[in-house]
PDB file of N, CA and C in Angstrom:
ATOM      1  N   UNK A   1       9.696 -16.687  -3.115  1.00  0.00           N
ATOM      2  CA  UNK A   1       8.645 -16.006  -2.776  1.00  0.00           C
ATOM      3  C   UNK A   1       8.141 -14.779  -3.796  1.00  0.00           C
ATOM      4  N   UNK A   2       9.226 -14.428  -4.807  1.00  0.00           N
ATOM      5  CA  UNK A   2       9.260 -13.373  -5.801  1.00  0.00           C
ATOM      6  C   UNK A   2       8.969 -14.523  -6.873  1.00  0.00           C
ATOM      7  N   UNK A   3       8.584 -15.523  -7.292  1.00  0.00           N
ATOM      8  CA  UNK A   3       8.714 -16.147  -8.307  1.00  0.00           C
ATOM      9  C   UNK A   3       7.822 -15.774  -9.251  1.00  0.00           C
ATOM     10  N   UNK A   4       6.708 -14.950  -8.941  1.00  0.00           N
ATOM     11  CA  UNK A   4       5.602 -14.046  -9.874  1.00  0.00           C
ATOM     12  C   UNK A   4       5.665 -12.623  -9.687  1.00  0.00           C
ATOM     13  N   UNK A   5       5.062 -11.730 -10.712  1.00  0.00           N
ATOM     14  CA  UNK A   5       5.156 -10.608 -10.654  1.00  0.00           C
ATOM     15  C   UNK A   5       4.047 -10.154  -9.600  1.00  0.00           C
ATOM     16  N   UNK A   6       4.867  -9.001  -9.038  1.00  0.00           N
ATOM     17  CA  UNK A   6       4.007  -8.563  -8.037  1.00  0.00           C
ATOM     18  C   UNK A   6       4.073  -6.323  -8.255  1.00  0.00           C
ATOM     19  N   UNK A   7       2.893  -6.345  -7.535  1.00  0.00           N
ATOM     20  CA  UNK A   7       3.033  -4.743  -7.584  1.00  0.00           C
ATOM     21  C   UNK A   7       2.725  -4.353  -6.291  1.00  0.00           C
ATOM     22  N   UNK A   8       3.665  -3.330  -5.755  1.00  0.00           N
ATOM     23  CA  UNK A   8       3.760  -2.752  -4.381  1.00  0.00           C
ATOM     24  C   UNK A   8       3.207  -1.317  -4.443  1.00  0.00           C
ATOM     25  N   UNK A   9       2.248  -0.786  -3.975  1.00  0.00           N
ATOM     26  CA  UNK A   9       1.332   0.122  -3.900  1.00  0.00           C
ATOM     27  C   UNK A   9       1.787   0.787  -2.476  1.00  0.00           C
ATOM     28  N   UNK A  10       2.635   1.962  -2.617  1.00  0.00           N
ATOM     29  CA  UNK A  10       2.848   2.729  -1.677  1.00  0.00           C
ATOM     30  C   UNK A  10       2.157   4.304  -1.378  1.00  0.00           C
ATOM     31  N   UNK A  11       1.753   4.617  -0.463  1.00  0.00           N
ATOM     32  CA  UNK A  11       1.086   6.035  -0.582  1.00  0.00           C
ATOM     33  C   UNK A  11       1.207   6.622   0.718  1.00  0.00           C
ATOM     34  N   UNK A  12       1.486   7.811   0.527  1.00  0.00           N
ATOM     35  CA  UNK A  12       1.671   9.010   1.770  1.00  0.00           C
ATOM     36  C   UNK A  12       0.585   8.352   2.681  1.00  0.00           C
ATOM     37  N   UNK A  13      -0.518   8.402   2.500  1.00  0.00           N
ATOM     38  CA  UNK A  13      -1.101   8.253   4.013  1.00  0.00           C
ATOM     39  C   UNK A  13      -1.764   6.440   3.737  1.00  0.00           C
ATOM     40  N   UNK A  14      -1.943   5.986   4.634  1.00  0.00           N
ATOM     41  CA  UNK A  14      -2.264   4.617   4.598  1.00  0.00           C
ATOM     42  C   UNK A  14      -1.468   3.208   4.453  1.00  0.00           C
ATOM     43  N   UNK A  15      -1.664   2.233   4.676  1.00  0.00           N
ATOM     44  CA  UNK A  15      -0.648   0.801   4.783  1.00  0.00           C
ATOM     45  C   UNK A  15      -0.602   1.062   3.079  1.00  0.00           C
ATOM     46  N   UNK A  16       0.625   0.103   3.135  1.00  0.00           N
ATOM     47  CA  UNK A  16       0.902  -0.084   1.327  1.00  0.00           C
ATOM     48  C   UNK A  16       0.188  -1.616   1.329  1.00  0.00           C
ATOM     49  N   UNK A  17      -0.090  -1.898  -0.091  1.00  0.00           N
ATOM     50  CA  UNK A  17      -0.789  -2.792  -0.583  1.00  0.00           C
ATOM     51  C   UNK A  17       0.446  -3.840  -1.452  1.00  0.00           C
ATOM     52  N   UNK A  18      -0.071  -4.947  -1.442  1.00  0.00           N
ATOM     53  CA  UNK A  18       0.791  -6.257  -2.703  1.00  0.00           C
ATOM     54  C   UNK A  18       0.057  -6.332  -3.860  1.00  0.00           C
ATOM     55  N   UNK A  19       0.095  -6.351  -4.796  1.00  0.00           N
ATOM     56  CA  UNK A  19      -1.011  -6.772  -5.648  1.00  0.00           C
ATOM     57  C   UNK A  19      -0.294  -8.102  -6.366  1.00  0.00           C
ATOM     58  N   UNK A  20      -1.027  -9.298  -6.357  1.00  0.00           N
ATOM     59  CA  UNK A  20       0.064 -10.271  -7.478  1.00  0.00           C
ATOM     60  C   UNK A  20      -1.262 -10.851  -8.123  1.00  0.00           C
ATOM     61  N   UNK A  21      -0.606 -11.072  -9.572  1.00  0.00           N
ATOM     62  CA  UNK A  21      -2.016 -11.813 -10.254  1.00  0.00           C
ATOM     63  C   UNK A  21      -1.134 -12.524 -11.580  1.00  0.00           C
ATOM     64  N   UNK A  22      -1.931 -13.143 -12.060  1.00  0.00           N
ATOM     65  CA  UNK A  22      -1.765 -13.785 -13.051  1.00  0.00           C
ATOM     66  C   UNK A  22      -2.580 -13.796 -14.395  1.00  0.00           C
ATOM     67  N   UNK A  23      -2.606 -14.881 -15.234  1.00  0.00           N
ATOM     68  CA  UNK A  23      -3.397 -14.344 -16.356  1.00  0.00           C
ATOM     69  C   UNK A  23      -5.343 -14.756 -16.069  1.00  0.00           C
ATOM     70  N   UNK A  24      -5.452 -15.519 -14.755  1.00  0.00           N
ATOM     71  CA  UNK A  24      -6.715 -15.866 -14.589  1.00  0.00           C
ATOM     72  C   UNK A  24      -7.230 -15.048 -13.609  1.00  0.00           C
ATOM     73  N   UNK A  25      -6.137 -14.505 -12.558  1.00  0.00           N
ATOM     74  CA  UNK A  25      -6.963 -13.795 -11.270  1.00  0.00           C
ATOM     75  C   UNK A  25      -6.059 -12.842 -10.529  1.00  0.00           C
ATOM     76  N   UNK A  26      -6.413 -12.065  -9.844  1.00  0.00           N
ATOM     77  CA  UNK A  26      -5.144 -11.367  -8.745  1.00  0.00           C
ATOM     78  C   UNK A  26      -5.726 -11.246  -7.389  1.00  0.00           C
ATOM     79  N   UNK A  27      -4.933 -10.872  -6.573  1.00  0.00           N
ATOM     80  CA  UNK A  27      -5.373 -10.446  -5.194  1.00  0.00           C
ATOM     81  C   UNK A  27      -4.826  -9.283  -4.783  1.00  0.00           C
ATOM     82  N   UNK A  28      -5.365  -8.488  -4.010  1.00  0.00           N
ATOM     83  CA  UNK A  28      -4.421  -7.518  -3.170  1.00  0.00           C
ATOM     84  C   UNK A  28      -4.421  -8.066  -1.587  1.00  0.00           C
ATOM     85  N   UNK A  29      -2.880  -7.945  -1.064  1.00  0.00           N
ATOM     86  CA  UNK A  29      -2.673  -7.849   0.279  1.00  0.00           C
ATOM     87  C   UNK A  29      -2.612  -6.439   1.270  1.00  0.00           C
ATOM     88  N   UNK A  30      -3.368  -6.727   1.736  1.00  0.00           N
ATOM     89  CA  UNK A  30      -2.811  -5.703   2.920  1.00  0.00           C
ATOM     90  C   UNK A  30      -2.357  -6.024   4.384  1.00  0.00           C
ATOM     91  N   UNK A  31      -2.636  -7.217   4.919  1.00  0.00           N
ATOM     92  CA  UNK A  31      -2.452  -7.630   5.967  1.00  0.00           C
ATOM     93  C   UNK A  31      -0.822  -7.620   6.089  1.00  0.00           C
ATOM     94  N   UNK A  32      -0.008  -6.831   7.246  1.00  0.00           N
ATOM     95  CA  UNK A  32       1.411  -6.608   7.616  1.00  0.00           C
ATOM     96  C   UNK A  32       2.067  -7.944   7.225  1.00  0.00           C
ATOM     97  N   UNK A  33       1.575  -8.941   7.522  1.00  0.00           N
ATOM     98  CA  UNK A  33       2.048 -10.698   7.767  1.00  0.00           C
ATOM     99  C   UNK A  33       2.640 -10.734   6.080  1.00  0.00           C
ATOM    100  N   UNK A  34       1.764 -10.553   5.242  1.00  0.00           N
ATOM    101  CA  UNK A  34       1.805 -10.840   3.801  1.00  0.00           C
ATOM    102  C   UNK A  34       2.657  -9.596   3.199  1.00  0.00           C
ATOM    103  N   UNK A  35       2.735  -8.505   3.633  1.00  0.00           N
ATOM    104  CA  UNK A  35       2.691  -7.331   2.833  1.00  0.00           C
ATOM    105  C   UNK A  35       4.451  -7.061   3.088  1.00  0.00           C
ATOM    106  N   UNK A  36       4.776  -7.348   4.263  1.00  0.00           N
ATOM    107  CA  UNK A  36       6.396  -6.636   4.811  1.00  0.00           C
ATOM    108  C   UNK A  36       7.132  -7.467   4.286  1.00  0.00           C
ATOM    109  N   UNK A  37       7.115  -8.854   3.658  1.00  0.00           N
ATOM    110  CA  UNK A  37       8.364  -9.429   2.712  1.00  0.00           C
ATOM    111  C   UNK A  37       8.257  -8.633   1.402  1.00  0.00           C
ATOM    112  N   UNK A  38       7.401  -8.171   1.229  1.00  0.00           N
ATOM    113  CA  UNK A  38       7.800  -7.222  -0.366  1.00  0.00           C
ATOM    114  C   UNK A  38       7.975  -6.020  -0.234  1.00  0.00           C
ATOM    115  N   UNK A  39       8.004  -5.498   1.047  1.00  0.00           N
ATOM    116  CA  UNK A  39       8.391  -3.880   1.207  1.00  0.00           C
ATOM    117  C   UNK A  39       9.717  -3.816   2.348  1.00  0.00           C
ATOM    118  N   UNK A  40      10.236  -4.945   2.846  1.00  0.00           N
ATOM    119  CA  UNK A  40      11.668  -4.675   3.246  1.00  0.00           C
ATOM    120  C   UNK A  40      12.678  -4.762   2.445  1.00  0.00           C
ATOM    121  N   UNK A  41      12.310  -5.512   1.408  1.00  0.00           N
ATOM    122  CA  UNK A  41      13.828  -5.570   0.297  1.00  0.00           C
ATOM    123  C   UNK A  41      13.505  -4.671  -0.412  1.00  0.00           C
ATOM    124  N   UNK A  42      12.466  -4.058  -0.965  1.00  0.00           N
ATOM    125  CA  UNK A  42      12.415  -2.797  -1.859  1.00  0.00           C
ATOM    126  C   UNK A  42      13.464  -2.152  -1.978  1.00  0.00           C
ATOM    127  N   UNK A  43      14.248  -1.294  -0.774  1.00  0.00           N
ATOM    128  CA  UNK A  43      15.275  -0.548  -1.145  1.00  0.00           C
ATOM    129  C   UNK A  43      16.410  -0.904  -1.683  1.00  0.00           C
ATOM    130  N   UNK A  44      16.567  -2.635  -1.446  1.00  0.00           N
ATOM    131  CA  UNK A  44      17.899  -3.565  -1.873  1.00  0.00           C
ATOM    132  C   UNK A  44      17.594  -3.447  -3.465  1.00  0.00           C
ATOM    133  N   UNK A  45      16.339  -3.840  -4.262  1.00  0.00           N
ATOM    134  CA  UNK A  45      16.088  -3.973  -5.287  1.00  0.00           C
ATOM    135  C   UNK A  45      16.230  -2.775  -6.099  1.00  0.00           C
ATOM    136  N   UNK A  46      15.787  -1.501  -5.534  1.00  0.00           N
ATOM    137  CA  UNK A  46      15.767  -0.388  -6.083  1.00  0.00           C
ATOM    138  C   UNK A  46      16.966   0.065  -6.418  1.00  0.00           C
ATOM    139  N   UNK A  47      18.273  -0.391  -5.629  1.00  0.00           N
ATOM    140  CA  UNK A  47      19.403  -0.020  -5.864  1.00  0.00           C
ATOM    141  C   UNK A  47      20.064  -0.549  -6.955  1.00  0.00           C
ATOM    142  N   UNK A  48      19.547  -1.946  -7.245  1.00  0.00           N
ATOM    143  CA  UNK A  48      20.154  -2.471  -8.472  1.00  0.00           C
ATOM    144  C   UNK A  48      19.878  -2.581  -9.535  1.00  0.00           C
ATOM    145  N   UNK A  49      18.286  -2.117  -9.586  1.00  0.00           N
ATOM    146  CA  UNK A  49      17.067  -2.372 -10.743  1.00  0.00           C
ATOM    147  C   UNK A  49      17.604  -0.832 -11.644  1.00  0.00           C
ATOM    148  N   UNK A  50      17.328  -1.546 -13.073  1.00  0.00           N
ATOM    149  CA  UNK A  50      17.711  -0.290 -13.967  1.00  0.00           C
ATOM    150  C   UNK A  50      16.613   0.549 -14.101  1.00  0.00           C
ATOM    151  N   UNK A  51      16.780   1.739 -14.477  1.00  0.00           N
ATOM    152  CA  UNK A  51      15.605   2.689 -14.651  1.00  0.00           C
ATOM    153  C   UNK A  51      15.094   2.619 -15.914  1.00  0.00           C
ATOM    154  N   UNK A  52      14.012   3.303 -16.167  1.00  0.00           N
ATOM    155  CA  UNK A  52      13.302   2.613 -17.464  1.00  0.00           C
ATOM    156  C   UNK A  52      14.182   3.274 -18.594  1.00  0.00           C
ATOM    157  N   UNK A  53      14.858   3.978 -18.844  1.00  0.00           N
ATOM    158  CA  UNK A  53      15.937   4.774 -20.194  1.00  0.00           C
ATOM    159  C   UNK A  53      16.472   3.372 -20.074  1.00  0.00           C
ATOM    160  N   UNK A  54      17.479   2.687 -18.961  1.00  0.00           N
ATOM    161  CA  UNK A  54      18.420   1.684 -18.988  1.00  0.00           C
ATOM    162  C   UNK A  54      17.839   0.554 -19.861  1.00  0.00           C
ATOM    163  N   UNK A  55      16.642   0.047 -18.875  1.00  0.00           N
ATOM    164  CA  UNK A  55      15.783  -0.956 -19.341  1.00  0.00           C
ATOM    165  C   UNK A  55      15.911  -0.590 -20.786  1.00  0.00           C
ATOM    166  N   UNK A  56      15.472  -0.003 -21.570  1.00  0.00           N
ATOM    167  CA  UNK A  56      14.745   0.049 -22.983  1.00  0.00           C
ATOM    168  C   UNK A  56      16.193  -0.241 -23.756  1.00  0.00           C
ATOM    169  N   UNK A  57      17.086   0.494 -23.558  1.00  0.00           N
ATOM    170  CA  UNK A  57      18.634   0.216 -24.127  1.00  0.00           C
ATOM    171  C   UNK A  57      19.130  -1.083 -23.916  1.00  0.00           C
ATOM    172  N   UNK A  58      19.121  -2.076 -22.607  1.00  0.00           N
ATOM    173  CA  UNK A  58      19.246  -3.132 -22.300  1.00  0.00           C
ATOM    174  C   UNK A  58      18.315  -3.975 -23.303  1.00  0.00           C
ATOM    175  N   UNK A  59      17.057  -3.856 -23.557  1.00  0.00           N
ATOM    176  CA  UNK A  59      16.198  -4.215 -24.435  1.00  0.00           C
ATOM    177  C   UNK A  59      16.989  -4.129 -25.666  1.00  0.00           C
ATOM    178  N   UNK A  60      16.735  -3.093 -26.229  1.00  0.00           N
ATOM    179  CA  UNK A  60      16.998  -2.399 -27.599  1.00  0.00           C
ATOM    180  C   UNK A  60      18.448  -3.435 -27.902  1.00  0.00           C
ATOM    181  N   UNK A  61      19.577  -3.512 -27.144  1.00  0.00           N
ATOM    182  CA  UNK A  61      20.709  -3.940 -27.514  1.00  0.00           C
ATOM    183  C   UNK A  61      20.515  -5.833 -27.513  1.00  0.00           C
ATOM    184  N   UNK A  62      19.797  -6.190 -26.585  1.00  0.00           N
ATOM    185  CA  UNK A  62      19.388  -7.699 -26.697  1.00  0.00           C
ATOM    186  C   UNK A  62      18.582  -8.109 -28.241  1.00  0.00           C
ATOM    187  N   UNK A  63      17.788  -7.043 -28.499  1.00  0.00           N
ATOM    188  CA  UNK A  63      16.989  -7.676 -29.854  1.00  0.00           C
ATOM    189  C   UNK A  63      17.965  -7.546 -31.182  1.00  0.00           C
ATOM    190  N   UNK A  64      18.862  -6.744 -30.900  1.00  0.00           N
ATOM    191  CA  UNK A  64      19.932  -6.566 -32.145  1.00  0.00           C
ATOM    192  C   UNK A  64      20.804  -7.137 -32.155  1.00  0.00           C
ATOM    193  N   UNK A  65      21.104  -8.170 -30.918  1.00  0.00           N
ATOM    194  CA  UNK A  65      21.872  -9.353 -30.935  1.00  0.00           C
ATOM    195  C   UNK A  65      21.242 -10.259 -31.528  1.00  0.00           C
ATOM    196  N   UNK A  66      20.122 -10.235 -31.022  1.00  0.00           N
ATOM    197  CA  UNK A  66      19.201 -11.427 -31.686  1.00  0.00           C
ATOM    198  C   UNK A  66      19.043 -11.261 -33.383  1.00  0.00           C
ATOM    199  N   UNK A  67      18.991 -10.214 -33.519  1.00  0.00           N
ATOM    200  CA  UNK A  67      18.439 -10.143 -35.315  1.00  0.00           C
ATOM    201  C   UNK A  67      20.150 -10.465 -36.100  1.00  0.00           C
ATOM    202  N   UNK A  68      20.846 -10.227 -35.126  1.00  0.00           N
ATOM    203  CA  UNK A  68      22.314 -10.348 -35.972  1.00  0.00           C
ATOM    204  C   UNK A  68      22.900 -11.736 -36.116  1.00  0.00           C
ATOM    205  N   UNK A  69      22.023 -12.386 -34.929  1.00  0.00           N
ATOM    206  CA  UNK A  69      22.645 -13.948 -35.056  1.00  0.00           C
ATOM    207  C   UNK A  69      21.630 -14.908 -35.582  1.00  0.00           C
ATOM    208  N   UNK A  70      20.921 -13.966 -36.413  1.00  0.00           N
ATOM    209  CA  UNK A  70      19.964 -14.606 -37.471  1.00  0.00           C
ATOM    210  C   UNK A  70      18.358 -15.090 -36.482  1.00  0.00           C
ATOM    211  N   UNK A  71      18.183 -14.334 -35.424  1.00  0.00           N
ATOM    212  CA  UNK A  71      17.009 -15.027 -34.815  1.00  0.00           C
ATOM    213  C   UNK A  71      15.690 -14.149 -35.354  1.00  0.00           C
ATOM    214  N   UNK A  72      14.559 -14.910 -35.485  1.00  0.00           N
ATOM    215  CA  UNK A  72      13.477 -14.950 -35.738  1.00  0.00           C
ATOM    216  C   UNK A  72      13.397 -15.381 -37.436  1.00  0.00           C
ATOM    217  N   UNK A  73      14.027 -16.151 -38.072  1.00  0.00           N
ATOM    218  CA  UNK A  73      14.186 -16.306 -39.314  1.00  0.00           C
ATOM    219  C   UNK A  73      13.237 -17.615 -39.786  1.00  0.00           C
ATOM    220  N   UNK A  74      12.761 -18.227 -38.508  1.00  0.00           N
ATOM    221  CA  UNK A  74      11.441 -19.004 -38.976  1.00  0.00           C
ATOM    222  C   UNK A  74       9.976 -18.877 -38.426  1.00  0.00           C
ATOM    223  N   UNK A  75      10.030 -17.011 -38.467  1.00  0.00           N
ATOM    224  CA  UNK A  75       8.862 -16.441 -37.940  1.00  0.00           C
ATOM    225  C   UNK A  75       8.154 -16.074 -39.364  1.00  0.00           C
ATOM    226  N   UNK A  76       6.636 -16.131 -39.106  1.00  0.00           N
ATOM    227  CA  UNK A  76       5.695 -16.369 -40.140  1.00  0.00           C
ATOM    228  C   UNK A  76       5.960 -15.137 -41.042  1.00  0.00           C
ATOM    229  N   UNK A  77       5.930 -14.827 -42.317  1.00  0.00           N
ATOM    230  CA  UNK A  77       6.318 -13.687 -43.240  1.00  0.00           C
ATOM    231  C   UNK A  77       5.454 -12.540 -42.015  1.00  0.00           C
ATOM    232  N   UNK A  78       5.841 -10.993 -41.929  1.00  0.00           N
ATOM    233  CA  UNK A  78       5.185 -10.528 -41.337  1.00  0.00           C
ATOM    234  C   UNK A  78       5.363 -10.198 -39.975  1.00  0.00           C
ATOM    235  N   UNK A  79       5.863 -11.243 -39.379  1.00  0.00           N
ATOM    236  CA  UNK A  79       6.127 -11.423 -38.128  1.00  0.00           C
ATOM    237  C   UNK A  79       7.395 -10.980 -37.631  1.00  0.00           C
ATOM    238  N   UNK A  80       8.233 -10.875 -38.045  1.00  0.00           N
ATOM    239  CA  UNK A  80       9.584 -10.543 -37.660  1.00  0.00           C
ATOM    240  C   UNK A  80       9.851  -8.849 -37.190  1.00  0.00           C
TER     241      UNK A  80
END
């Protein structure tokens, strides 16, 4: 179910919406039959997800390891 990225929009008033899209199109879901499978696991996902700062630090560490291992050496000049 969660093979693609999605956006979950929850509001103080009104029902939650789910947006799913790709490079060509996107769609909003508002029917609880389609939205509930995304809403119900959200607290569990939130407990284990990194916050913005932690995500940045992780990506910086991975990029640093990639550079140390010589990654990107075949990239065209100016792209590294």
